[in-house]
């Protein structure tokens, strides 16, 4: 019987990178922010304390075992249940991925800890880093991202700007827009002015395509996103839905699907693409998990998402 992984999951569908093997370094929903749009729900532990939340040697042991299995993935991503830069040794894990895998190492971070030189140094070991900026001042930062009390918006922008100066890899910057919150043209122009100073390689607009933490979060339509994208110079790109190639040797079973849904709500079509399974087969797994009350459904406009009812242990 295959030993279950504790710290890695997937590959899961990523609208940016295709198939992404996730490396989860934090207890569920441990983060420096409590963003109103987060697909994982509200933050359980809001902190800026950096420590070795997951044992580094155990994470590397799992990565070595997974890499030896020969399963295909487009990228290996530090992401999952919280803010990965809160892990005090995340740089060592990025270094291991760089040295032992042909897949690029990706760091998905909210950018809040990049004001620290040691965090910038560790983050620079990734091939690609995605940071976020969805506010334009302290007040909007507190409304959209609900940061830890000790976090200051100016330090977020400063940290991302310094990292851009030092980082030799690809820097992506995500702007998450919410109707009625931070998506008026004047508001977006203020964000765009800050983005221009940071100078990322790519600017990507996102909105609430997955069930958010708060019910008042309303997504923008594609047409509205296109209008806002033009306010950036050069124009921002709108993150497309997942459409990557399927890995034919991904082993699909209840545990694998449940592990994915505990961390990321997905539609049946997305599960089908990731595991290269027919929708009828996917529906059987989902039916079993629903009957066991391990997952639940949420509707977003015309789409039904499947979500874990409990966090990953």
Protein backbone atom coordinates (compact mmCIF):
# COMPACT_ATOMS: atom_id res chain seq x y z
CA UNK A 1 0.00 0.00 0.00
CA UNK A 2 1.35 3.44 -0.98
CA UNK A 3 2.36 5.58 1.98
CA UNK A 4 0.29 8.72 2.12
CA UNK A 5 2.04 12.06 1.82
CA UNK A 6 1.63 14.62 4.58
CA UNK A 7 3.38 17.68 3.17
CA UNK A 8 3.01 17.38 -0.59
CA UNK A 9 -0.19 17.15 -2.63
CA UNK A 10 -1.39 17.03 -6.20
CA UNK A 11 -0.49 17.79 -8.86
CA UNK A 12 -3.39 20.25 -8.74
CA UNK A 13 -4.76 22.52 -11.49
CA UNK A 14 -3.09 25.90 -11.55
CA UNK A 15 -4.43 28.64 -13.79
CA UNK A 16 -0.91 30.09 -14.00
CA UNK A 17 1.35 27.08 -14.29
CA UNK A 18 -0.65 24.05 -15.47
CA UNK A 19 -0.10 21.00 -13.25
CA UNK A 20 1.43 22.03 -9.95
CA UNK A 21 2.78 19.69 -7.28
CA UNK A 22 2.09 21.52 -4.02
CA UNK A 23 4.45 21.61 -1.04
CA UNK A 24 2.54 22.57 2.10
CA UNK A 25 4.75 23.90 4.92
CA UNK A 26 2.18 25.37 7.33
CA UNK A 27 -0.67 24.13 9.53
CA UNK A 28 -4.01 24.75 7.85
CA UNK A 29 -4.70 28.47 7.32
CA UNK A 30 -1.67 29.85 9.14
CA UNK A 31 -1.02 33.18 7.45
CA UNK A 32 0.04 36.78 7.94
CA UNK A 33 -3.15 37.91 6.21
CA UNK A 34 -6.86 37.07 6.40
CA UNK A 35 -7.92 38.04 2.88
CA UNK A 36 -11.65 38.38 2.31
CA UNK A 37 -11.31 36.50 -1.00
CA UNK A 38 -9.26 33.51 0.19
CA UNK A 39 -10.51 30.20 -1.22
CA UNK A 40 -9.39 28.41 1.96
CA UNK A 41 -11.71 30.44 4.19
CA UNK A 42 -10.82 32.63 7.14
CA UNK A 43 -7.36 32.52 8.69
CA UNK A 44 -7.22 30.35 11.80
CA UNK A 45 -3.79 31.54 12.99
CA UNK A 46 -2.85 35.07 11.93
CA UNK A 47 0.84 35.46 12.67
CA UNK A 48 4.16 36.85 11.46
CA UNK A 49 6.21 34.45 13.57
CA UNK A 50 8.72 32.59 11.45
CA UNK A 51 9.64 29.08 12.58
CA UNK A 52 10.04 25.54 11.25
CA UNK A 53 6.35 24.65 11.17
CA UNK A 54 6.88 21.47 9.13
CA UNK A 55 10.08 19.42 9.70
CA UNK A 56 12.35 20.28 6.78
CA UNK A 57 13.94 16.83 6.66
CA UNK A 58 10.51 15.18 6.45
CA UNK A 59 9.40 17.49 3.64
CA UNK A 60 12.56 16.75 1.66
CA UNK A 61 12.12 13.02 2.33
CA UNK A 62 8.63 13.15 0.81
CA UNK A 63 9.86 15.16 -2.17
CA UNK A 64 12.60 12.61 -2.79
CA UNK A 65 10.07 9.76 -2.68
CA UNK A 66 7.69 11.60 -5.02
CA UNK A 67 10.45 12.47 -7.50
CA UNK A 68 11.54 8.83 -7.55
CA UNK A 69 7.99 7.78 -8.51
CA UNK A 70 8.31 9.32 -11.98
CA UNK A 71 4.99 11.17 -11.85
CA UNK A 72 4.86 14.19 -14.16
CA UNK A 73 4.25 17.79 -13.13
CA UNK A 74 4.82 21.16 -14.78
CA UNK A 75 6.09 22.91 -11.64
CA UNK A 76 6.73 22.26 -7.95
CA UNK A 77 5.12 24.98 -5.89
CA UNK A 78 5.49 26.11 -2.30
CA UNK A 79 1.86 26.85 -1.47
CA UNK A 80 -1.10 25.24 0.22
CA UNK A 81 -2.47 25.96 3.70
CA UNK A 82 -0.76 29.25 4.53
CA UNK A 83 2.03 31.74 3.81
CA UNK A 84 5.13 29.64 2.95
CA UNK A 85 7.69 32.33 3.84
CA UNK A 86 6.63 32.00 7.48
CA UNK A 87 8.52 28.69 7.41
CA UNK A 88 12.01 29.56 8.64
CA UNK A 89 13.77 27.05 6.34
CA UNK A 90 11.71 27.31 3.16
CA UNK A 91 14.84 28.31 1.25
CA UNK A 92 16.41 24.92 1.87
CA UNK A 93 13.38 23.24 0.33
CA UNK A 94 13.55 25.49 -2.75
CA UNK A 95 17.25 24.67 -3.04
CA UNK A 96 16.49 20.93 -2.90
CA UNK A 97 13.90 21.26 -5.68
CA UNK A 98 16.35 23.22 -7.86
CA UNK A 99 19.04 20.61 -7.39
CA UNK A 100 16.96 17.47 -7.77
CA UNK A 101 14.06 18.17 -10.14
CA UNK A 102 13.73 19.22 -13.75
CA UNK A 103 10.48 21.01 -12.89
CA UNK A 104 10.83 24.71 -12.02
CA UNK A 105 10.53 25.70 -8.35
CA UNK A 106 7.73 28.20 -7.79
CA UNK A 107 7.03 30.25 -4.65
CA UNK A 108 3.52 31.63 -4.15
CA UNK A 109 3.76 34.34 -1.49
CA UNK A 110 1.63 37.25 -0.36
CA UNK A 111 4.84 39.28 -0.12
CA UNK A 112 4.33 40.40 3.48
CA UNK A 113 7.65 39.02 4.75
CA UNK A 114 9.84 40.24 1.88
CA UNK A 115 10.83 43.32 3.86
CA UNK A 116 13.18 40.94 5.72
CA UNK A 117 16.56 40.46 3.92
CA UNK A 118 16.77 36.79 4.95
CA UNK A 119 13.37 36.08 3.41
CA UNK A 120 14.34 37.80 0.16
CA UNK A 121 17.53 35.75 0.05
CA UNK A 122 15.66 32.47 0.51
CA UNK A 123 12.90 33.44 -1.96
CA UNK A 124 15.54 34.16 -4.62
CA UNK A 125 16.21 30.40 -4.83
CA UNK A 126 12.90 29.91 -6.69
CA UNK A 127 12.74 30.01 -10.48
CA UNK A 128 9.44 31.90 -10.35
CA UNK A 129 7.97 33.96 -7.50
CA UNK A 130 4.39 35.21 -7.43
CA UNK A 131 3.65 38.13 -5.09
CA UNK A 132 0.38 39.96 -4.47
CA UNK A 133 -0.78 43.55 -4.34
CA UNK A 134 -4.53 44.24 -4.12
CA UNK A 135 -4.58 47.52 -2.18
CA UNK A 136 -3.13 51.02 -2.51
CA UNK A 137 -2.84 52.28 1.08
CA UNK A 138 -3.13 51.12 4.67
CA UNK A 139 -6.90 51.51 4.84
CA UNK A 140 -7.57 49.45 1.70
CA UNK A 141 -4.94 46.91 2.83
CA UNK A 142 -6.84 46.39 6.08
CA UNK A 143 -10.16 46.09 4.27
CA UNK A 144 -9.10 43.67 1.51
CA UNK A 145 -6.29 41.68 3.13
CA UNK A 146 -6.96 42.09 6.89
CA UNK A 147 -3.23 41.90 7.79
CA UNK A 148 -1.61 41.04 11.10
CA UNK A 149 -1.62 44.08 13.38
CA UNK A 150 2.15 44.60 13.01
CA UNK A 151 2.11 44.71 9.21
CA UNK A 152 2.29 48.06 7.42
CA UNK A 153 1.30 48.53 3.78
CA UNK A 154 4.37 50.62 2.95
CA UNK A 155 6.61 47.76 4.09
CA UNK A 156 4.77 45.38 1.76
CA UNK A 157 5.46 47.59 -1.25
CA UNK A 158 9.03 48.24 -0.09
CA UNK A 159 9.74 44.54 0.36
CA UNK A 160 8.37 43.61 -3.07
CA UNK A 161 10.31 46.45 -4.69
CA UNK A 162 13.60 45.43 -3.05
CA UNK A 163 13.03 41.83 -4.01
CA UNK A 164 12.54 42.85 -7.64
CA UNK A 165 15.90 44.62 -7.55
CA UNK A 166 17.67 41.55 -6.19
CA UNK A 167 15.81 38.66 -7.85
CA UNK A 168 17.18 37.22 -11.10
CA UNK A 169 14.26 34.90 -11.82
CA UNK A 170 10.75 35.63 -13.06
CA UNK A 171 8.53 37.77 -10.83
CA UNK A 172 4.76 37.63 -11.28
CA UNK A 173 2.45 40.01 -9.45
CA UNK A 174 -1.20 39.19 -8.84
CA UNK A 175 -3.86 41.84 -8.35
CA UNK A 176 -7.07 40.38 -6.94
CA UNK A 177 -10.09 42.54 -7.78
CA UNK A 178 -13.46 42.48 -6.01
CA UNK A 179 -16.53 44.31 -7.23
CA UNK A 180 -17.45 47.17 -4.89
CA UNK A 181 -14.27 46.81 -2.84
CA UNK A 182 -11.15 47.62 -4.89
CA UNK A 183 -12.24 47.54 -8.53
CA UNK A 184 -13.29 51.12 -9.35
CA UNK A 185 -11.09 52.61 -12.10
CA UNK A 186 -9.56 55.20 -9.76
CA UNK A 187 -8.70 52.48 -7.24
CA UNK A 188 -7.17 50.24 -9.87
CA UNK A 189 -5.11 53.14 -11.23
CA UNK A 190 -3.62 53.64 -7.76
CA UNK A 191 -2.69 49.96 -7.59
CA UNK A 192 -1.28 50.13 -11.12
CA UNK A 193 0.96 53.07 -10.18
CA UNK A 194 2.50 51.02 -7.38
CA UNK A 195 2.87 47.98 -9.64
CA UNK A 196 4.76 50.12 -12.15
CA UNK A 197 7.31 50.97 -9.44
CA UNK A 198 7.76 47.30 -8.51
CA UNK A 199 8.33 46.31 -12.19
CA UNK A 200 7.28 42.63 -12.20
CA UNK A 201 7.76 40.52 -15.31
CA UNK A 202 4.04 39.84 -15.52
CA UNK A 203 0.95 41.41 -13.95
CA UNK A 204 -2.01 39.08 -13.58
CA UNK A 205 -5.56 40.07 -12.70
CA UNK A 206 -7.62 37.64 -10.68
CA UNK A 207 -11.09 37.59 -9.19
CA UNK A 208 -13.23 35.25 -7.08
CA UNK A 209 -13.68 32.29 -9.42
CA UNK A 210 -13.60 29.95 -6.40
CA UNK A 211 -15.76 30.20 -3.26
CA UNK A 212 -14.26 33.03 -1.11
CA UNK A 213 -13.86 33.47 2.64
CA UNK A 214 -16.61 36.12 2.81
CA UNK A 215 -20.02 36.06 1.21
CA UNK A 216 -19.88 39.72 0.17
CA UNK A 217 -17.01 39.04 -2.24
CA UNK A 218 -18.40 39.45 -5.75
CA UNK A 219 -16.27 38.54 -8.79
CA UNK A 220 -15.74 40.72 -11.84
CA UNK A 221 -16.87 39.48 -15.22
CA UNK A 222 -14.35 38.81 -17.97
CA UNK A 223 -15.43 42.02 -19.67
CA UNK A 224 -14.85 44.03 -16.49
CA UNK A 225 -11.44 42.43 -16.00
CA UNK A 226 -10.49 43.33 -19.56
CA UNK A 227 -11.39 46.96 -18.89
CA UNK A 228 -9.25 47.01 -15.73
CA UNK A 229 -6.35 45.24 -17.44
CA UNK A 230 -6.00 48.18 -19.80
CA UNK A 231 -5.27 50.48 -16.83
CA UNK A 232 -1.88 48.81 -16.35
CA UNK A 233 1.20 49.62 -18.41
CA UNK A 234 1.86 47.33 -20.12
CA UNK A 235 -1.68 45.91 -19.95
CA UNK A 236 -2.17 43.20 -17.35
CA UNK A 237 -3.13 39.68 -18.33
CA UNK A 238 -6.24 37.92 -17.08
CA UNK A 239 -5.45 34.52 -15.62
CA UNK A 240 -7.08 31.91 -17.84
CA UNK A 241 -8.84 28.85 -16.52
CA UNK A 242 -6.73 25.72 -16.17
CA UNK A 243 -6.09 24.02 -19.48
CA UNK A 244 -2.80 22.18 -19.04
CA UNK A 245 -1.90 18.79 -20.40
CA UNK A 246 -2.92 15.79 -18.34
CA UNK A 247 -0.39 13.50 -16.72
CA UNK A 248 -1.35 9.96 -17.67
CA UNK A 249 0.47 8.36 -14.75
CA UNK A 250 -1.11 10.34 -11.90
CA UNK A 251 -2.60 7.79 -9.53
CA UNK A 252 -6.14 8.86 -8.78
CA UNK A 253 -7.97 7.57 -5.75
CA UNK A 254 -10.19 8.86 -2.99
CA UNK A 255 -7.28 9.96 -0.80
CA UNK A 256 -5.61 11.89 -3.63
CA UNK A 257 -8.80 13.69 -4.63
CA UNK A 258 -9.75 14.41 -1.01
CA UNK A 259 -6.26 15.78 -0.28
CA UNK A 260 -6.59 18.14 -3.25
CA UNK A 261 -10.09 19.32 -2.31
CA UNK A 262 -9.08 19.97 1.30
CA UNK A 263 -6.67 22.56 0.02
CA UNK A 264 -8.28 23.85 -3.17
CA UNK A 265 -11.94 23.81 -4.25
CA UNK A 266 -12.26 22.33 -7.74
CA UNK A 267 -14.96 21.56 -10.27
CA UNK A 268 -15.49 18.01 -11.50
CA UNK A 269 -14.06 19.10 -14.86
CA UNK A 270 -10.83 20.28 -13.22
CA UNK A 271 -10.47 17.00 -11.33
CA UNK A 272 -11.04 15.17 -14.61
CA UNK A 273 -8.27 17.13 -16.31
CA UNK A 274 -5.73 16.71 -13.52
CA UNK A 275 -6.20 12.95 -13.13
CA UNK A 276 -7.01 12.24 -16.79
CA UNK A 277 -10.26 10.58 -15.74
CA UNK A 278 -13.62 10.46 -17.45
CA UNK A 279 -16.26 12.61 -15.74
CA UNK A 280 -18.32 9.52 -14.98
CA UNK A 281 -15.40 8.09 -13.03
CA UNK A 282 -14.84 11.40 -11.26
CA UNK A 283 -18.49 11.48 -10.22
CA UNK A 284 -18.12 8.09 -8.53
CA UNK A 285 -15.27 9.32 -6.33
CA UNK A 286 -17.11 12.54 -5.54
CA UNK A 287 -20.28 10.64 -4.69
CA UNK A 288 -18.42 8.45 -2.21
CA UNK A 289 -16.74 11.45 -0.58
CA UNK A 290 -20.05 13.32 -0.36
CA UNK A 291 -21.78 10.35 1.25
CA UNK A 292 -18.99 10.19 3.84
CA UNK A 293 -19.45 13.93 4.49
CA UNK A 294 -15.77 14.51 3.69
CA UNK A 295 -16.56 17.10 1.02
CA UNK A 296 -19.35 19.58 0.31
CA UNK A 297 -20.54 21.54 -2.71
CA UNK A 298 -20.63 25.28 -3.28
CA UNK A 299 -22.14 27.04 -6.28
CA UNK A 300 -20.42 29.99 -7.94
CA UNK A 301 -22.67 31.36 -10.65
CA UNK A 302 -23.15 28.41 -13.04
CA UNK A 303 -20.31 26.25 -11.64
CA UNK A 304 -20.33 23.76 -8.77
CA UNK A 305 -17.15 23.49 -6.70
CA UNK A 306 -16.24 20.61 -4.40
CA UNK A 307 -14.51 21.53 -1.14
CA UNK A 308 -13.14 19.56 1.81
CA UNK A 309 -15.27 19.75 4.95
CA UNK A 310 -12.20 19.45 7.19
CA UNK A 311 -8.65 20.74 6.89
CA UNK A 312 -5.70 18.51 6.04
CA UNK A 313 -4.30 16.86 9.16
